[in-house]
Amino acid sequence: MTNARGPSSETLEETAGGDACVCSIGNAAEHYMTGILGLVATLIVGLQAYPWLQSVADTTSYLGPTWLVFSFAAIWLVCWIALEVAWEWRAGRVHLL
């Protein structure tokens, strides 16, 4: 019998290439620490960029607060990802290039 996915007797096996690097997070505390450090970096960068962000937000009266929240969330995400990759690279669990 087949369903939308295909025959029920088949199993799906995923194989990684010989040079593929599939790394998992070593410790949840490290992940949380990079998130907190990313938030601190966001506050530092956000406070420095706040006058510019405010001037951009003032151009639209309806989307001003949304622009500020989105900007701070985007800065936090970029900082968190950068710190996470740097931390994992320093620990030797991620191989860049």
Protein backbone atom coordinates (compact mmCIF):
# COMPACT_ATOMS: atom_id res chain seq x y z
CA MET A 1 0.00 0.00 0.00
CA THR A 2 1.28 3.47 -0.79
CA ASN A 3 0.44 6.77 0.76
CA ALA A 4 1.30 10.35 -0.17
CA ARG A 5 4.88 9.84 1.01
CA GLY A 6 5.53 6.66 -0.96
CA PRO A 7 5.56 2.93 -0.29
CA SER A 8 5.22 2.03 3.36
CA SER A 9 7.89 -0.67 3.19
CA GLU A 10 10.64 1.80 2.29
CA THR A 11 12.71 3.55 4.91
CA LEU A 12 14.31 6.89 4.43
CA GLU A 13 18.01 6.96 5.11
CA GLU A 14 20.03 10.12 5.07
CA THR A 15 23.73 9.91 4.52
CA ALA A 16 26.25 12.65 4.90
CA GLY A 17 29.15 13.13 2.56
CA GLY A 18 32.66 12.26 3.64
CA ASP A 19 33.65 15.87 4.18
CA ALA A 20 30.33 17.08 5.61
CA CYS A 21 30.44 18.53 9.09
CA VAL A 22 27.22 18.13 11.02
CA CYS A 23 27.90 19.55 14.45
CA SER A 24 25.58 19.76 17.40
CA ILE A 25 25.70 22.16 20.29
CA GLY A 26 27.98 20.72 22.93
CA ASN A 27 26.34 22.17 25.97
CA ALA A 28 23.09 24.07 26.48
CA ALA A 29 24.82 26.43 28.93
CA GLU A 30 27.17 27.55 26.15
CA HIS A 31 24.17 28.24 23.90
CA TYR A 32 22.43 30.28 26.60
CA MET A 33 25.65 32.15 27.41
CA THR A 34 26.10 33.22 23.79
CA GLY A 35 22.47 34.37 23.78
CA ILE A 36 23.05 36.51 26.86
CA LEU A 37 26.30 37.88 25.45
CA GLY A 38 24.47 38.62 22.20
CA LEU A 39 21.85 40.56 24.17
CA VAL A 40 24.55 42.57 25.93
CA ALA A 41 26.22 43.29 22.57
CA THR A 42 22.81 44.31 21.21
CA LEU A 43 22.32 46.78 24.02
CA ILE A 44 25.77 48.27 23.42
CA VAL A 45 25.35 48.48 19.63
CA GLY A 46 21.71 49.53 19.92
CA LEU A 47 22.45 52.39 22.27
CA GLN A 48 25.16 53.65 19.92
CA ALA A 49 22.85 53.36 16.89
CA TYR A 50 19.70 54.60 18.65
CA PRO A 51 19.82 58.20 17.35
CA TRP A 52 20.00 56.93 13.76
CA LEU A 53 17.29 54.32 14.37
CA GLN A 54 15.08 56.98 15.95
CA SER A 55 15.51 59.34 13.01
CA VAL A 56 14.53 56.54 10.59
CA ALA A 57 11.57 55.59 12.79
CA ASP A 58 10.32 59.19 12.91
CA THR A 59 9.80 59.26 9.14
CA THR A 60 6.78 56.95 9.49
CA SER A 61 4.36 57.59 12.31
CA TYR A 62 2.63 54.21 12.20
CA LEU A 63 5.61 51.91 11.76
CA GLY A 64 8.06 53.74 14.01
CA PRO A 65 7.82 51.49 17.08
CA THR A 66 7.68 48.40 14.89
CA TRP A 67 10.85 49.49 13.11
CA LEU A 68 12.66 49.95 16.42
CA VAL A 69 11.61 46.56 17.78
CA PHE A 70 12.46 44.81 14.51
CA SER A 71 15.85 46.54 14.39
CA PHE A 72 16.79 45.51 17.92
CA ALA A 73 15.59 41.94 17.30
CA ALA A 74 17.63 41.75 14.08
CA ILE A 75 20.74 43.13 15.80
CA TRP A 76 20.32 40.57 18.61
CA LEU A 77 19.92 37.72 16.13
CA VAL A 78 23.02 38.72 14.17
CA CYS A 79 25.09 39.16 17.34
CA TRP A 80 23.89 35.83 18.77
CA ILE A 81 24.66 33.89 15.58
CA ALA A 82 28.08 35.52 15.24
CA LEU A 83 28.97 34.74 18.85
CA GLU A 84 27.63 31.18 18.56
CA VAL A 85 29.72 30.47 15.45
CA ALA A 86 32.81 32.09 16.98
CA TRP A 87 32.37 30.09 20.20
CA GLU A 88 31.93 26.78 18.35
CA TRP A 89 34.83 27.57 16.00
CA ARG A 90 37.07 28.39 18.96
CA ALA A 91 36.06 25.12 20.62
CA GLY A 92 36.96 23.22 17.44
CA ARG A 93 33.46 21.91 16.76
CA VAL A 94 32.83 23.98 13.60
CA HIS A 95 35.13 24.11 10.62
CA LEU A 96 34.69 27.23 8.55
CA LEU A 97 35.65 26.98 4.89
